[in-house]
Amino acid sequence: MNNKVTILGEVITKKDLPKLYKWAKENPATLVEQLKSIADKWHEGNIRSALIAFEMDLERI
């Protein structure tokens, strides 16, 4: 079973980013939109930083 997905050139694994992994499997287009927006607004365009920060935010919910 493949437990990783690549979005915007970044690998999202089920182990390391479980909430974003699930989102990437269910609706990758909306995840791409959200990540681009977050990266542009708060992480100087850095997708990896946006992934990590977004996962941490989602874990708090």
C-alpha atoms as a PDB file:
ATOM      1  CA  MET A   1       0.000   0.000   0.000  1.00  0.00           C
ATOM      2  CA  ASN A   2       1.343   3.413  -0.984  1.00  0.00           C
ATOM      3  CA  ASN A   3       1.123   5.801   1.953  1.00  0.00           C
ATOM      4  CA  LYS A   4       2.464   8.887   0.234  1.00  0.00           C
ATOM      5  CA  VAL A   5       1.199  11.515  -2.167  1.00  0.00           C
ATOM      6  CA  THR A   6       3.076  14.263  -3.972  1.00  0.00           C
ATOM      7  CA  ILE A   7       1.443  17.692  -4.051  1.00  0.00           C
ATOM      8  CA  LEU A   8       3.180  20.749  -5.526  1.00  0.00           C
ATOM      9  CA  GLY A   9       6.436  18.797  -5.592  1.00  0.00           C
ATOM     10  CA  GLU A  10       6.281  17.917  -1.888  1.00  0.00           C
ATOM     11  CA  VAL A  11       5.766  14.407  -0.536  1.00  0.00           C
ATOM     12  CA  ILE A  12       2.957  14.028   1.995  1.00  0.00           C
ATOM     13  CA  THR A  13       3.087  10.796   3.963  1.00  0.00           C
ATOM     14  CA  LYS A  14       0.333   9.233   5.996  1.00  0.00           C
ATOM     15  CA  LYS A  15       2.738   8.858   8.923  1.00  0.00           C
ATOM     16  CA  ASP A  16       4.132  12.411   9.018  1.00  0.00           C
ATOM     17  CA  LEU A  17       1.186  14.504   7.821  1.00  0.00           C
ATOM     18  CA  PRO A  18      -1.916  12.361   8.392  1.00  0.00           C
ATOM     19  CA  LYS A  19      -4.564  15.059   8.094  1.00  0.00           C
ATOM     20  CA  LEU A  20      -3.114  16.533   4.916  1.00  0.00           C
ATOM     21  CA  TYR A  21      -2.528  13.049   3.512  1.00  0.00           C
ATOM     22  CA  LYS A  22      -6.225  12.267   3.938  1.00  0.00           C
ATOM     23  CA  TRP A  23      -7.178  15.584   2.334  1.00  0.00           C
ATOM     24  CA  ALA A  24      -4.759  14.952  -0.564  1.00  0.00           C
ATOM     25  CA  LYS A  25      -6.357  11.573  -1.216  1.00  0.00           C
ATOM     26  CA  GLU A  26      -9.929  12.885  -1.015  1.00  0.00           C
ATOM     27  CA  ASN A  27      -9.677  16.261  -2.729  1.00  0.00           C
ATOM     28  CA  PRO A  28      -6.215  17.204  -4.001  1.00  0.00           C
ATOM     29  CA  ALA A  29      -7.374  20.244  -5.985  1.00  0.00           C
ATOM     30  CA  THR A  30      -8.671  22.097  -2.924  1.00  0.00           C
ATOM     31  CA  LEU A  31      -5.565  21.170  -0.933  1.00  0.00           C
ATOM     32  CA  VAL A  32      -3.379  22.649  -3.676  1.00  0.00           C
ATOM     33  CA  GLU A  33      -5.376  25.897  -3.554  1.00  0.00           C
ATOM     34  CA  GLN A  34      -5.134  26.111   0.233  1.00  0.00           C
ATOM     35  CA  LEU A  35      -1.406  25.340   0.315  1.00  0.00           C
ATOM     36  CA  LYS A  36      -0.597  27.923  -2.344  1.00  0.00           C
ATOM     37  CA  SER A  37      -2.562  30.544  -0.446  1.00  0.00           C
ATOM     38  CA  ILE A  38      -0.947  29.722   2.902  1.00  0.00           C
ATOM     39  CA  ALA A  39       2.537  29.563   1.387  1.00  0.00           C
ATOM     40  CA  ASP A  40       2.129  32.898  -0.390  1.00  0.00           C
ATOM     41  CA  LYS A  41       0.624  34.730   2.586  1.00  0.00           C
ATOM     42  CA  TRP A  42       2.693  33.434   5.501  1.00  0.00           C
ATOM     43  CA  HIS A  43       5.670  31.415   4.282  1.00  0.00           C
ATOM     44  CA  GLU A  44       7.211  33.473   1.459  1.00  0.00           C
ATOM     45  CA  GLY A  45       5.969  30.898  -1.067  1.00  0.00           C
ATOM     46  CA  ASN A  46       7.585  27.931   0.709  1.00  0.00           C
ATOM     47  CA  ILE A  47       5.225  24.980   0.242  1.00  0.00           C
ATOM     48  CA  ARG A  48       7.068  22.703   2.717  1.00  0.00           C
ATOM     49  CA  SER A  49       6.749  25.267   5.503  1.00  0.00           C
ATOM     50  CA  ALA A  50       3.083  25.734   4.660  1.00  0.00           C
ATOM     51  CA  LEU A  51       2.504  21.956   4.803  1.00  0.00           C
ATOM     52  CA  ILE A  52       4.017  21.635   8.255  1.00  0.00           C
ATOM     53  CA  ALA A  53       2.246  24.677   9.675  1.00  0.00           C
ATOM     54  CA  PHE A  54      -1.097  23.661   8.161  1.00  0.00           C
ATOM     55  CA  GLU A  55      -0.848  20.128   9.558  1.00  0.00           C
ATOM     56  CA  MET A  56      -0.106  21.530  13.016  1.00  0.00           C
ATOM     57  CA  ASP A  57      -3.108  23.853  12.776  1.00  0.00           C
ATOM     58  CA  LEU A  58      -5.375  21.007  11.713  1.00  0.00           C
ATOM     59  CA  GLU A  59      -4.199  18.843  14.608  1.00  0.00           C
ATOM     60  CA  ARG A  60      -5.462  21.483  17.032  1.00  0.00           C
ATOM     61  CA  ILE A  61      -9.009  21.244  15.695  1.00  0.00           C
END
